[in-house]
């Protein structure tokens, strides 16, 4: 029982990430655009949703450059002090392939480049054996959107972890 995934009907991660096992394109697509806790905090402080790549209801243009989105996040990272999101972000940056530097504007580009280099080659694909062994099968399915997005879960559930 302890090795079975915890699948709840609400999440920050798109089940397609696990079903398709594609490399993450950039850190903004992993930490900013899909996480409503992150983009709502920034938006509450005046950052336009479009600047964070959040899709518009009318289909209008939004930022697509991951570096620009990440720069907005890095410049406003201090706004998360004392929040549960900050605890989660700091944990993610310190425990996964993202170890190392504090998010400051001066360190932004090296951190961005390091994240892309470490997660892009496939070593940290969403359901690789080492990731599942290290973090557990229950990670990533914690708070998902509506049921129409649950279909990829069956494909993700059939993927085995490491040896």
Protein backbone atom coordinates (compact mmCIF):
# COMPACT_ATOMS: atom_id res chain seq x y z
CA UNK A 1 0.00 0.00 0.00
CA UNK A 2 2.82 2.43 0.84
CA UNK A 3 4.11 2.34 -2.76
CA UNK A 4 0.78 3.10 -4.41
CA UNK A 5 0.21 6.64 -5.71
CA UNK A 6 -2.12 8.98 -3.91
CA UNK A 7 -4.44 10.29 -6.60
CA UNK A 8 -6.68 13.14 -5.52
CA UNK A 9 -9.04 15.10 -7.78
CA UNK A 10 -7.17 18.44 -7.56
CA UNK A 11 -3.52 19.34 -8.52
CA UNK A 12 -0.87 21.81 -9.65
CA UNK A 13 0.59 19.31 -12.05
CA UNK A 14 -0.89 18.45 -15.38
CA UNK A 15 -1.35 14.65 -15.53
CA UNK A 16 -0.06 14.78 -19.12
CA UNK A 17 3.41 15.53 -17.67
CA UNK A 18 3.39 12.06 -16.14
CA UNK A 19 1.62 10.28 -19.00
CA UNK A 20 3.82 11.73 -21.77
CA UNK A 21 7.15 11.91 -19.86
CA UNK A 22 8.47 14.90 -21.79
CA UNK A 23 11.32 17.09 -20.50
CA UNK A 24 10.26 20.27 -18.74
CA UNK A 25 10.91 23.14 -21.13
CA UNK A 26 11.93 25.72 -18.53
CA UNK A 27 11.52 26.47 -14.80
CA UNK A 28 8.77 29.03 -15.40
CA UNK A 29 6.58 26.31 -16.91
CA UNK A 30 7.23 24.17 -13.84
CA UNK A 31 6.99 26.68 -10.98
CA UNK A 32 5.10 29.78 -12.15
CA UNK A 33 2.57 29.36 -14.95
CA UNK A 34 0.82 26.19 -13.69
CA UNK A 35 0.78 27.11 -9.99
CA UNK A 36 -2.21 29.27 -9.10
CA UNK A 37 -0.79 29.97 -5.62
CA UNK A 38 2.32 31.50 -7.21
CA UNK A 39 0.70 33.50 -9.97
CA UNK A 40 -2.17 34.74 -7.76
CA UNK A 41 0.30 36.05 -5.17
CA UNK A 42 2.24 37.90 -7.85
CA UNK A 43 -0.96 39.18 -9.46
CA UNK A 44 -2.20 40.47 -6.08
CA UNK A 45 0.94 42.62 -5.98
CA UNK A 46 0.35 44.11 -9.42
CA UNK A 47 2.03 41.66 -11.80
CA UNK A 48 -0.23 41.14 -14.83
CA UNK A 49 -1.26 37.51 -15.35
CA UNK A 50 -0.18 37.84 -18.98
CA UNK A 51 3.39 38.58 -17.83
CA UNK A 52 3.45 35.15 -16.16
CA UNK A 53 2.19 33.26 -19.21
CA UNK A 54 -1.21 32.54 -17.67
CA UNK A 55 -3.67 31.86 -20.51
CA UNK A 56 -6.36 34.49 -21.00
CA UNK A 57 -10.05 33.56 -21.13
CA UNK A 58 -10.40 35.45 -24.42
CA UNK A 59 -7.39 33.66 -25.94
CA UNK A 60 -5.44 36.92 -26.15
CA UNK A 61 -1.64 37.10 -26.08
CA UNK A 62 0.41 36.23 -23.01
CA UNK A 63 4.15 36.03 -22.40
CA UNK A 64 5.66 32.89 -23.92
CA UNK A 65 9.34 33.48 -23.16
CA UNK A 66 10.17 31.34 -20.12
CA UNK A 67 13.18 33.52 -19.24
CA UNK A 68 11.03 36.65 -19.06
CA UNK A 69 8.46 34.85 -16.90
CA UNK A 70 11.23 33.51 -14.64
CA UNK A 71 12.74 37.01 -14.36
CA UNK A 72 9.38 38.38 -13.13
CA UNK A 73 9.24 35.57 -10.56
CA UNK A 74 12.85 36.13 -9.43
CA UNK A 75 12.34 39.89 -9.07
CA UNK A 76 9.29 39.29 -6.88
CA UNK A 77 10.40 36.21 -4.94
CA UNK A 78 10.64 38.27 -1.74
CA UNK A 79 6.84 38.66 -1.75
CA UNK A 80 6.51 35.02 -0.74
CA UNK A 81 8.28 35.46 2.63
CA UNK A 82 6.22 33.89 5.40
CA UNK A 83 3.84 32.07 3.06
CA UNK A 84 3.23 28.33 2.57
CA UNK A 85 4.18 28.83 -1.08
CA UNK A 86 7.62 30.09 -0.02
CA UNK A 87 8.13 26.98 2.12
CA UNK A 88 7.22 24.75 -0.80
CA UNK A 89 9.34 26.71 -3.30
CA UNK A 90 12.39 26.75 -1.02
CA UNK A 91 11.99 23.02 -0.43
CA UNK A 92 11.75 22.37 -4.17
CA UNK A 93 14.78 24.53 -4.92
CA UNK A 94 16.90 22.90 -2.22
CA UNK A 95 16.01 19.22 -2.63
CA UNK A 96 15.66 18.44 -6.31
CA UNK A 97 17.98 19.28 -9.19
CA UNK A 98 17.59 22.93 -8.24
CA UNK A 99 20.07 23.04 -5.36
CA UNK A 100 22.25 25.99 -4.81
CA UNK A 101 21.46 29.64 -5.10
CA UNK A 102 18.97 32.02 -3.60
CA UNK A 103 16.68 33.67 -6.09
CA UNK A 104 18.12 37.09 -6.61
CA UNK A 105 18.13 39.11 -9.76
CA UNK A 106 21.94 38.72 -10.06
CA UNK A 107 21.78 34.93 -9.73
CA UNK A 108 18.68 34.63 -11.90
CA UNK A 109 20.34 33.78 -15.22
CA UNK A 110 22.77 31.21 -13.84
CA UNK A 111 19.97 29.56 -11.89
CA UNK A 112 17.73 29.61 -14.94
CA UNK A 113 20.45 28.11 -17.13
CA UNK A 114 21.28 25.52 -14.49
CA UNK A 115 17.66 24.45 -14.15
CA UNK A 116 17.25 24.06 -17.88
CA UNK A 117 20.48 22.09 -18.21
CA UNK A 118 19.66 19.77 -15.32
CA UNK A 119 16.06 18.96 -16.15
CA UNK A 120 16.10 19.07 -19.93
CA UNK A 121 18.31 16.06 -20.77
CA UNK A 122 15.76 13.67 -19.31
CA UNK A 123 17.46 12.79 -16.05
CA UNK A 124 14.62 14.50 -14.24
CA UNK A 125 11.65 13.52 -16.35
CA UNK A 126 8.48 13.45 -14.36
CA UNK A 127 8.20 9.72 -13.85
CA UNK A 128 11.75 8.49 -14.11
CA UNK A 129 12.70 5.75 -11.70
CA UNK A 130 15.12 7.93 -9.69
CA UNK A 131 12.51 10.67 -9.26
CA UNK A 132 9.85 8.23 -8.08
CA UNK A 133 12.33 6.45 -5.79
CA UNK A 134 13.47 9.72 -4.25
CA UNK A 135 10.17 11.55 -3.85
CA UNK A 136 7.54 8.79 -3.96
CA UNK A 137 4.74 7.99 -6.37
CA UNK A 138 2.28 10.22 -4.55
CA UNK A 139 4.09 13.45 -5.47
CA UNK A 140 2.56 15.61 -8.14
CA UNK A 141 -1.02 14.40 -7.90
CA UNK A 142 -1.93 16.48 -4.88
CA UNK A 143 -4.30 19.13 -6.18
CA UNK A 144 -5.68 18.55 -9.71
CA UNK A 145 -8.12 20.47 -11.85
CA UNK A 146 -11.48 19.17 -13.13
CA UNK A 147 -12.20 15.56 -14.18
CA UNK A 148 -11.80 16.17 -17.92
CA UNK A 149 -8.05 16.29 -17.24
CA UNK A 150 -7.96 12.98 -15.39
CA UNK A 151 -7.71 10.74 -18.48
CA UNK A 152 -3.87 10.82 -18.64
CA UNK A 153 -3.78 9.51 -15.06
CA UNK A 154 -4.41 5.97 -16.29
CA UNK A 155 -1.31 6.17 -18.48
CA UNK A 156 0.73 7.67 -15.65
CA UNK A 157 -0.50 5.02 -13.21
CA UNK A 158 0.79 2.26 -15.46
CA UNK A 159 4.35 3.64 -15.41
CA UNK A 160 6.70 1.77 -13.08
CA UNK A 161 9.17 3.46 -10.79
CA UNK A 162 12.81 2.52 -10.40
CA UNK A 163 13.97 -0.96 -9.59
